[in-house]
Amino acid sequence: MLRCLVCILFTGAAAAQPDLAGGRKIFESQCALCHGQAGGGGRGPSLNRPTLDRAPDDKGLRKVISEGLEPEMPGAWQLSEHEVTAVAAYVRSLGAAPQEKLPGDPARGAGLFETRGCSGCHMVAGKGSGFGPELTQIGARRNAAYLRQTILTPAGSLPEGFAYFAATDAAGRAVSGIRVNEDTFTIQLKDAAGRFHSFRKSELKDLRRLVHETPMPAYQGRIASAELDDLVAYLATLRGKS
């Protein structure tokens, strides 16, 4: 009788263990497109770290997986409760993996960030300009390969919802900027100097979306390999809360 009870308890304990292999399979097929095959980030944030800001505990992580985070991440409505638990367990296991070791010196990279004028468009911890994306948490949201490629060819990794426009008003004045707001009749742009411009579309001579263009210059062929390593190493350290 005792032996049977031990078998039942052991079997129950085993059944309660999350299915890491199944979670990995689901993750690689449904999550890796945004988060990277190893959870290192891509279009979505990096997950290979011990603490996830939007999912501080297992319950929160399962909720994020099930319900998503609008507008960036859709909910996994198609997954069963067991599958959600398996994916959450696999994501947690990624946080135990050693952090990516990068060439380059973060301190030199921080200097390059200033001398290359990056702070003229990007804010870090409240410092800099907000024309480009906020970078305070970029090291937690993107892996080194993504950061490197974005520096070299930024037009190839534009964020979701990004729209760059060129407008010409009735007086012939041309303005280029990132779309801030738009409806059927009006559009608001923010230019590289941080100025906002509001237009009624019917009063514009021309309004064009600059597809596959970005105000950020491409550094392909314009930055030494060692400097690129330093800059990526610095950006990878930016994991603070905005």
C-alpha atoms as a PDB file:
ATOM      1  CA  MET A   1       0.000   0.000   0.000  1.00  0.00           C
ATOM      2  CA  LEU A   2       2.809   2.363   0.962  1.00  0.00           C
ATOM      3  CA  ARG A   3       4.633   1.507  -2.251  1.00  0.00           C
ATOM      4  CA  CYS A   4       1.539   2.350  -4.326  1.00  0.00           C
ATOM      5  CA  LEU A   5       1.116   5.644  -2.498  1.00  0.00           C
ATOM      6  CA  VAL A   6       4.730   6.568  -3.214  1.00  0.00           C
ATOM      7  CA  CYS A   7       4.183   5.724  -6.897  1.00  0.00           C
ATOM      8  CA  ILE A   8       1.079   7.926  -7.018  1.00  0.00           C
ATOM      9  CA  LEU A   9       2.859  10.844  -5.337  1.00  0.00           C
ATOM     10  CA  PHE A  10       5.876  10.483  -7.625  1.00  0.00           C
ATOM     11  CA  THR A  11       3.712  10.321 -10.743  1.00  0.00           C
ATOM     12  CA  GLY A  12       1.724  13.371  -9.629  1.00  0.00           C
ATOM     13  CA  ALA A  13       4.903  15.340  -8.979  1.00  0.00           C
ATOM     14  CA  ALA A  14       6.271  14.385 -12.389  1.00  0.00           C
ATOM     15  CA  ALA A  15       3.031  15.371 -14.094  1.00  0.00           C
ATOM     16  CA  ALA A  16       3.157  18.769 -12.403  1.00  0.00           C
ATOM     17  CA  GLN A  17       6.528  19.579 -13.978  1.00  0.00           C
ATOM     18  CA  PRO A  18       6.220  21.981 -16.944  1.00  0.00           C
ATOM     19  CA  ASP A  19       6.982  20.532 -20.359  1.00  0.00           C
ATOM     20  CA  LEU A  20      10.140  22.504 -21.229  1.00  0.00           C
ATOM     21  CA  ALA A  21      10.696  20.646 -24.496  1.00  0.00           C
ATOM     22  CA  GLY A  22       7.119  21.325 -25.580  1.00  0.00           C
ATOM     23  CA  GLY A  23       7.426  24.957 -24.485  1.00  0.00           C
ATOM     24  CA  ARG A  24      10.590  25.366 -26.514  1.00  0.00           C
ATOM     25  CA  LYS A  25       8.936  23.893 -29.610  1.00  0.00           C
ATOM     26  CA  ILE A  26       5.989  26.299 -29.335  1.00  0.00           C
ATOM     27  CA  PHE A  27       8.309  29.230 -28.632  1.00  0.00           C
ATOM     28  CA  GLU A  28      10.488  28.519 -31.665  1.00  0.00           C
ATOM     29  CA  SER A  29       7.485  28.192 -33.962  1.00  0.00           C
ATOM     30  CA  GLN A  30       5.325  31.047 -32.667  1.00  0.00           C
ATOM     31  CA  CYS A  31       7.458  33.454 -30.614  1.00  0.00           C
ATOM     32  CA  ALA A  32      10.964  33.388 -32.087  1.00  0.00           C
ATOM     33  CA  LEU A  33      10.040  35.579 -35.064  1.00  0.00           C
ATOM     34  CA  CYS A  34       9.920  38.552 -32.696  1.00  0.00           C
ATOM     35  CA  HIS A  35      11.990  37.391 -29.719  1.00  0.00           C
ATOM     36  CA  GLY A  36      14.769  35.481 -31.495  1.00  0.00           C
ATOM     37  CA  GLN A  37      15.413  31.736 -31.616  1.00  0.00           C
ATOM     38  CA  ALA A  38      17.303  31.862 -28.317  1.00  0.00           C
ATOM     39  CA  GLY A  39      15.183  34.620 -26.797  1.00  0.00           C
ATOM     40  CA  GLY A  40      17.820  37.263 -27.451  1.00  0.00           C
ATOM     41  CA  GLY A  41      15.395  39.717 -28.994  1.00  0.00           C
ATOM     42  CA  GLY A  42      14.649  41.044 -32.445  1.00  0.00           C
ATOM     43  CA  ARG A  43      11.503  42.984 -33.217  1.00  0.00           C
ATOM     44  CA  GLY A  44      10.426  42.070 -29.687  1.00  0.00           C
ATOM     45  CA  PRO A  45      12.382  42.382 -26.432  1.00  0.00           C
ATOM     46  CA  SER A  46      15.137  40.092 -25.247  1.00  0.00           C
ATOM     47  CA  LEU A  47      13.899  37.399 -22.852  1.00  0.00           C
ATOM     48  CA  ASN A  48      17.185  35.824 -21.791  1.00  0.00           C
ATOM     49  CA  ARG A  49      17.472  37.721 -18.520  1.00  0.00           C
ATOM     50  CA  PRO A  50      16.431  36.868 -14.961  1.00  0.00           C
ATOM     51  CA  THR A  51      13.859  39.657 -14.554  1.00  0.00           C
ATOM     52  CA  LEU A  52      11.245  40.682 -17.106  1.00  0.00           C
ATOM     53  CA  ASP A  53       9.809  44.129 -16.422  1.00  0.00           C
ATOM     54  CA  ARG A  54       6.342  43.335 -17.743  1.00  0.00           C
ATOM     55  CA  ALA A  55       6.201  39.860 -16.174  1.00  0.00           C
ATOM     56  CA  PRO A  56       7.872  39.906 -12.746  1.00  0.00           C
ATOM     57  CA  ASP A  57       6.541  36.476 -11.685  1.00  0.00           C
ATOM     58  CA  ASP A  58       5.278  33.257 -13.276  1.00  0.00           C
ATOM     59  CA  LYS A  59       1.624  34.243 -12.996  1.00  0.00           C
ATOM     60  CA  GLY A  60       2.337  37.573 -14.693  1.00  0.00           C
ATOM     61  CA  LEU A  61       4.311  35.865 -17.445  1.00  0.00           C
ATOM     62  CA  ARG A  62       1.495  33.427 -18.180  1.00  0.00           C
ATOM     63  CA  LYS A  63      -0.932  36.364 -18.317  1.00  0.00           C
ATOM     64  CA  VAL A  64       1.290  38.230 -20.788  1.00  0.00           C
ATOM     65  CA  ILE A  65       1.562  35.149 -23.004  1.00  0.00           C
ATOM     66  CA  SER A  66      -2.183  34.500 -22.905  1.00  0.00           C
ATOM     67  CA  GLU A  67      -3.440  38.073 -23.243  1.00  0.00           C
ATOM     68  CA  GLY A  68      -0.552  39.817 -24.997  1.00  0.00           C
ATOM     69  CA  LEU A  69       0.604  43.407 -24.625  1.00  0.00           C
ATOM     70  CA  GLU A  70      -1.174  45.834 -26.925  1.00  0.00           C
ATOM     71  CA  PRO A  71      -0.224  47.070 -29.406  1.00  0.00           C
ATOM     72  CA  GLU A  72       3.115  45.242 -29.739  1.00  0.00           C
ATOM     73  CA  MET A  73       2.313  41.661 -28.798  1.00  0.00           C
ATOM     74  CA  PRO A  74      -0.848  39.700 -29.630  1.00  0.00           C
ATOM     75  CA  GLY A  75      -2.302  37.271 -27.111  1.00  0.00           C
ATOM     76  CA  ALA A  76      -1.737  33.543 -27.645  1.00  0.00           C
ATOM     77  CA  TRP A  77      -5.442  32.695 -27.590  1.00  0.00           C
ATOM     78  CA  GLN A  78      -4.787  29.492 -29.531  1.00  0.00           C
ATOM     79  CA  LEU A  79      -2.695  27.925 -26.737  1.00  0.00           C
ATOM     80  CA  SER A  80      -4.156  25.745 -23.991  1.00  0.00           C
ATOM     81  CA  GLU A  81      -3.441  26.459 -20.326  1.00  0.00           C
ATOM     82  CA  HIS A  82      -0.933  23.582 -20.326  1.00  0.00           C
ATOM     83  CA  GLU A  83       0.839  24.998 -23.381  1.00  0.00           C
ATOM     84  CA  VAL A  84       0.974  28.501 -21.900  1.00  0.00           C
ATOM     85  CA  THR A  85       2.540  27.051 -18.741  1.00  0.00           C
ATOM     86  CA  ALA A  86       5.097  25.184 -20.857  1.00  0.00           C
ATOM     87  CA  VAL A  87       6.043  28.301 -22.843  1.00  0.00           C
ATOM     88  CA  ALA A  88       6.321  30.364 -19.639  1.00  0.00           C
ATOM     89  CA  ALA A  89       8.605  27.751 -18.089  1.00  0.00           C
ATOM     90  CA  TYR A  90      10.791  27.735 -21.189  1.00  0.00           C
ATOM     91  CA  VAL A  91      10.993  31.544 -21.199  1.00  0.00           C
ATOM     92  CA  ARG A  92      12.041  31.458 -17.531  1.00  0.00           C
ATOM     93  CA  SER A  93      14.765  28.948 -18.393  1.00  0.00           C
ATOM     94  CA  LEU A  94      16.215  31.449 -20.879  1.00  0.00           C
ATOM     95  CA  GLY A  95      16.928  33.807 -17.982  1.00  0.00           C
ATOM     96  CA  ALA A  96      19.289  31.251 -16.485  1.00  0.00           C
ATOM     97  CA  ALA A  97      21.455  31.211 -19.629  1.00  0.00           C
ATOM     98  CA  PRO A  98      24.730  33.168 -19.446  1.00  0.00           C
ATOM     99  CA  GLN A  99      24.615  36.657 -20.925  1.00  0.00           C
ATOM    100  CA  GLU A 100      26.007  37.153 -24.398  1.00  0.00           C
ATOM    101  CA  LYS A 101      29.716  38.031 -24.330  1.00  0.00           C
ATOM    102  CA  LEU A 102      30.486  40.867 -26.695  1.00  0.00           C
ATOM    103  CA  PRO A 103      33.676  42.311 -28.110  1.00  0.00           C
ATOM    104  CA  GLY A 104      34.145  46.010 -27.599  1.00  0.00           C
ATOM    105  CA  ASP A 105      34.417  48.390 -24.667  1.00  0.00           C
ATOM    106  CA  PRO A 106      31.155  49.887 -23.314  1.00  0.00           C
ATOM    107  CA  ALA A 107      32.975  52.928 -21.908  1.00  0.00           C
ATOM    108  CA  ARG A 108      34.469  53.779 -25.287  1.00  0.00           C
ATOM    109  CA  GLY A 109      31.067  53.089 -26.829  1.00  0.00           C
ATOM    110  CA  ALA A 110      29.450  55.623 -24.497  1.00  0.00           C
ATOM    111  CA  GLY A 111      31.951  58.202 -25.724  1.00  0.00           C
ATOM    112  CA  LEU A 112      31.197  57.335 -29.338  1.00  0.00           C
ATOM    113  CA  PHE A 113      27.488  57.685 -28.654  1.00  0.00           C
ATOM    114  CA  GLU A 114      28.156  61.340 -27.814  1.00  0.00           C
ATOM    115  CA  THR A 115      30.809  62.163 -30.418  1.00  0.00           C
ATOM    116  CA  ARG A 116      28.826  60.517 -33.228  1.00  0.00           C
ATOM    117  CA  GLY A 117      25.847  62.674 -32.307  1.00  0.00           C
ATOM    118  CA  CYS A 118      23.541  59.817 -31.299  1.00  0.00           C
ATOM    119  CA  SER A 119      22.231  61.774 -28.306  1.00  0.00           C
ATOM    120  CA  GLY A 120      21.009  64.420 -30.735  1.00  0.00           C
ATOM    121  CA  CYS A 121      18.194  62.043 -31.702  1.00  0.00           C
ATOM    122  CA  HIS A 122      17.981  59.451 -28.917  1.00  0.00           C
ATOM    123  CA  MET A 123      17.291  59.766 -25.203  1.00  0.00           C
ATOM    124  CA  VAL A 124      19.014  57.635 -22.555  1.00  0.00           C
ATOM    125  CA  ALA A 125      17.833  57.964 -18.950  1.00  0.00           C
ATOM    126  CA  GLY A 126      16.233  61.342 -19.647  1.00  0.00           C
ATOM    127  CA  LYS A 127      19.246  62.833 -21.458  1.00  0.00           C
ATOM    128  CA  GLY A 128      19.350  63.645 -25.155  1.00  0.00           C
ATOM    129  CA  SER A 129      16.674  64.362 -27.750  1.00  0.00           C
ATOM    130  CA  GLY A 130      13.492  62.418 -28.288  1.00  0.00           C
ATOM    131  CA  PHE A 131      13.326  62.555 -32.091  1.00  0.00           C
ATOM    132  CA  GLY A 132      14.454  58.950 -32.448  1.00  0.00           C
ATOM    133  CA  PRO A 133      13.454  55.951 -30.309  1.00  0.00           C
ATOM    134  CA  GLU A 134      14.108  55.979 -26.552  1.00  0.00           C
ATOM    135  CA  LEU A 135      17.162  53.791 -25.839  1.00  0.00           C
ATOM    136  CA  THR A 136      17.151  53.528 -22.038  1.00  0.00           C
ATOM    137  CA  GLN A 137      16.148  49.858 -22.189  1.00  0.00           C
ATOM    138  CA  ILE A 138      17.445  48.959 -25.640  1.00  0.00           C
ATOM    139  CA  GLY A 139      19.922  46.379 -24.306  1.00  0.00           C
ATOM    140  CA  ALA A 140      17.045  44.468 -22.730  1.00  0.00           C
ATOM    141  CA  ARG A 141      14.838  44.727 -25.809  1.00  0.00           C
ATOM    142  CA  ARG A 142      17.265  43.953 -28.625  1.00  0.00           C
ATOM    143  CA  ASN A 143      20.160  41.542 -29.053  1.00  0.00           C
ATOM    144  CA  ALA A 144      23.628  42.529 -30.235  1.00  0.00           C
ATOM    145  CA  ALA A 145      23.093  41.310 -33.812  1.00  0.00           C
ATOM    146  CA  TYR A 146      19.963  43.448 -34.155  1.00  0.00           C
ATOM    147  CA  LEU A 147      21.718  46.507 -32.704  1.00  0.00           C
ATOM    148  CA  ARG A 148      24.676  46.061 -35.039  1.00  0.00           C
ATOM    149  CA  GLN A 149      22.494  45.705 -38.123  1.00  0.00           C
ATOM    150  CA  THR A 150      20.354  48.708 -37.168  1.00  0.00           C
ATOM    151  CA  ILE A 151      23.428  50.921 -36.830  1.00  0.00           C
ATOM    152  CA  LEU A 152      24.745  49.809 -40.210  1.00  0.00           C
ATOM    153  CA  THR A 153      21.446  49.849 -42.148  1.00  0.00           C
ATOM    154  CA  PRO A 154      18.685  51.438 -40.037  1.00  0.00           C
ATOM    155  CA  ALA A 155      16.118  51.400 -42.856  1.00  0.00           C
ATOM    156  CA  GLY A 156      16.168  47.613 -42.724  1.00  0.00           C
ATOM    157  CA  SER A 157      14.821  47.389 -39.172  1.00  0.00           C
ATOM    158  CA  LEU A 158      12.235  50.127 -38.818  1.00  0.00           C
ATOM    159  CA  PRO A 159      10.009  49.777 -35.734  1.00  0.00           C
ATOM    160  CA  GLU A 160       6.359  48.806 -36.122  1.00  0.00           C
ATOM    161  CA  GLY A 161       4.181  51.850 -36.666  1.00  0.00           C
ATOM    162  CA  PHE A 162       7.097  54.035 -37.803  1.00  0.00           C
ATOM    163  CA  ALA A 163       6.164  56.398 -40.628  1.00  0.00           C
ATOM    164  CA  TYR A 164       8.396  59.068 -42.173  1.00  0.00           C
ATOM    165  CA  PHE A 165       6.709  61.735 -44.322  1.00  0.00           C
ATOM    166  CA  ALA A 166       7.620  64.628 -46.569  1.00  0.00           C
ATOM    167  CA  ALA A 167       5.040  67.417 -46.786  1.00  0.00           C
ATOM    168  CA  THR A 168       4.927  70.575 -48.898  1.00  0.00           C
ATOM    169  CA  ASP A 169       2.522  73.309 -47.849  1.00  0.00           C
ATOM    170  CA  ALA A 170       0.683  75.838 -50.010  1.00  0.00           C
ATOM    171  CA  ALA A 171       3.560  78.301 -49.775  1.00  0.00           C
ATOM    172  CA  GLY A 172       6.034  75.706 -51.047  1.00  0.00           C
ATOM    173  CA  ARG A 173       7.648  75.126 -47.654  1.00  0.00           C
ATOM    174  CA  ALA A 174       8.929  71.531 -47.356  1.00  0.00           C
ATOM    175  CA  VAL A 175       8.934  69.629 -44.060  1.00  0.00           C
ATOM    176  CA  SER A 176      10.150  66.101 -43.393  1.00  0.00           C
ATOM    177  CA  GLY A 177       9.348  64.358 -40.153  1.00  0.00           C
ATOM    178  CA  ILE A 178       8.130  61.360 -38.245  1.00  0.00           C
ATOM    179  CA  ARG A 179       4.361  60.972 -38.057  1.00  0.00           C
ATOM    180  CA  VAL A 180       3.047  61.693 -34.576  1.00  0.00           C
ATOM    181  CA  ASN A 181      -0.683  61.700 -35.278  1.00  0.00           C
ATOM    182  CA  GLU A 182      -2.848  61.293 -38.363  1.00  0.00           C
ATOM    183  CA  ASP A 183      -6.532  61.097 -39.192  1.00  0.00           C
ATOM    184  CA  THR A 184      -8.570  61.407 -42.379  1.00  0.00           C
ATOM    185  CA  PHE A 185      -8.166  65.189 -42.587  1.00  0.00           C
ATOM    186  CA  THR A 186      -4.975  66.127 -40.703  1.00  0.00           C
ATOM    187  CA  ILE A 187      -1.449  64.961 -39.996  1.00  0.00           C
ATOM    188  CA  GLN A 188       1.109  65.993 -37.380  1.00  0.00           C
ATOM    189  CA  LEU A 189       4.843  65.559 -38.004  1.00  0.00           C
ATOM    190  CA  LYS A 190       7.869  65.946 -35.751  1.00  0.00           C
ATOM    191  CA  ASP A 191      11.033  67.143 -37.494  1.00  0.00           C
ATOM    192  CA  ALA A 192      14.674  66.430 -36.630  1.00  0.00           C
ATOM    193  CA  ALA A 193      14.881  69.593 -34.509  1.00  0.00           C
ATOM    194  CA  GLY A 194      12.010  68.374 -32.332  1.00  0.00           C
ATOM    195  CA  ARG A 195       9.496  70.850 -33.744  1.00  0.00           C
ATOM    196  CA  PHE A 196       5.908  69.773 -34.359  1.00  0.00           C
ATOM    197  CA  HIS A 197       4.061  70.663 -37.569  1.00  0.00           C
ATOM    198  CA  SER A 198       0.311  70.247 -37.990  1.00  0.00           C
ATOM    199  CA  PHE A 199      -1.250  70.271 -41.456  1.00  0.00           C
ATOM    200  CA  ARG A 200      -4.677  69.976 -43.002  1.00  0.00           C
ATOM    201  CA  LYS A 201      -4.185  67.500 -45.809  1.00  0.00           C
ATOM    202  CA  SER A 202      -6.476  69.399 -48.177  1.00  0.00           C
ATOM    203  CA  GLU A 203      -4.195  72.451 -47.918  1.00  0.00           C
ATOM    204  CA  LEU A 204      -0.966  70.624 -48.784  1.00  0.00           C
ATOM    205  CA  LYS A 205       0.591  70.698 -52.246  1.00  0.00           C
ATOM    206  CA  ASP A 206       2.187  67.320 -51.626  1.00  0.00           C
ATOM    207  CA  LEU A 207       2.261  64.654 -48.935  1.00  0.00           C
ATOM    208  CA  ARG A 208       4.369  61.540 -49.430  1.00  0.00           C
ATOM    209  CA  ARG A 209       5.262  58.677 -47.138  1.00  0.00           C
ATOM    210  CA  LEU A 210       8.992  57.998 -47.474  1.00  0.00           C
ATOM    211  CA  VAL A 211       8.811  54.208 -47.557  1.00  0.00           C
ATOM    212  CA  HIS A 212      11.935  52.352 -46.392  1.00  0.00           C
ATOM    213  CA  GLU A 213      13.552  55.658 -45.409  1.00  0.00           C
ATOM    214  CA  THR A 214      14.595  56.934 -42.010  1.00  0.00           C
ATOM    215  CA  PRO A 215      16.227  60.130 -40.752  1.00  0.00           C
ATOM    216  CA  MET A 216      18.940  58.034 -39.086  1.00  0.00           C
ATOM    217  CA  PRO A 217      22.054  57.848 -41.284  1.00  0.00           C
ATOM    218  CA  ALA A 218      23.352  54.423 -42.319  1.00  0.00           C
ATOM    219  CA  TYR A 219      26.824  53.733 -40.902  1.00  0.00           C
ATOM    220  CA  GLN A 220      27.672  50.931 -43.335  1.00  0.00           C
ATOM    221  CA  GLY A 221      31.168  51.800 -44.566  1.00  0.00           C
ATOM    222  CA  ARG A 222      31.276  54.878 -42.289  1.00  0.00           C
ATOM    223  CA  ILE A 223      32.330  53.333 -38.980  1.00  0.00           C
ATOM    224  CA  ALA A 224      35.376  51.226 -38.132  1.00  0.00           C
ATOM    225  CA  SER A 225      34.775  47.649 -37.004  1.00  0.00           C
ATOM    226  CA  ALA A 226      36.301  48.294 -33.562  1.00  0.00           C
ATOM    227  CA  GLU A 227      34.147  51.400 -33.061  1.00  0.00           C
ATOM    228  CA  LEU A 228      31.054  49.454 -34.061  1.00  0.00           C
ATOM    229  CA  ASP A 229      31.940  46.786 -31.480  1.00  0.00           C
ATOM    230  CA  ASP A 230      32.316  49.467 -28.804  1.00  0.00           C
ATOM    231  CA  LEU A 231      29.031  51.156 -29.668  1.00  0.00           C
ATOM    232  CA  VAL A 232      27.115  47.857 -29.659  1.00  0.00           C
ATOM    233  CA  ALA A 233      28.732  46.880 -26.351  1.00  0.00           C
ATOM    234  CA  TYR A 234      27.546  50.167 -24.825  1.00  0.00           C
ATOM    235  CA  LEU A 235      24.000  49.876 -26.148  1.00  0.00           C
ATOM    236  CA  ALA A 236      23.809  46.300 -24.827  1.00  0.00           C
ATOM    237  CA  THR A 237      24.404  47.623 -21.293  1.00  0.00           C
ATOM    238  CA  LEU A 238      21.333  49.907 -21.449  1.00  0.00           C
ATOM    239  CA  ARG A 239      18.806  47.898 -19.454  1.00  0.00           C
ATOM    240  CA  GLY A 240      17.446  50.495 -17.048  1.00  0.00           C
ATOM    241  CA  LYS A 241      13.805  51.505 -16.760  1.00  0.00           C
ATOM    242  CA  SER A 242      12.674  54.507 -18.757  1.00  0.00           C
END
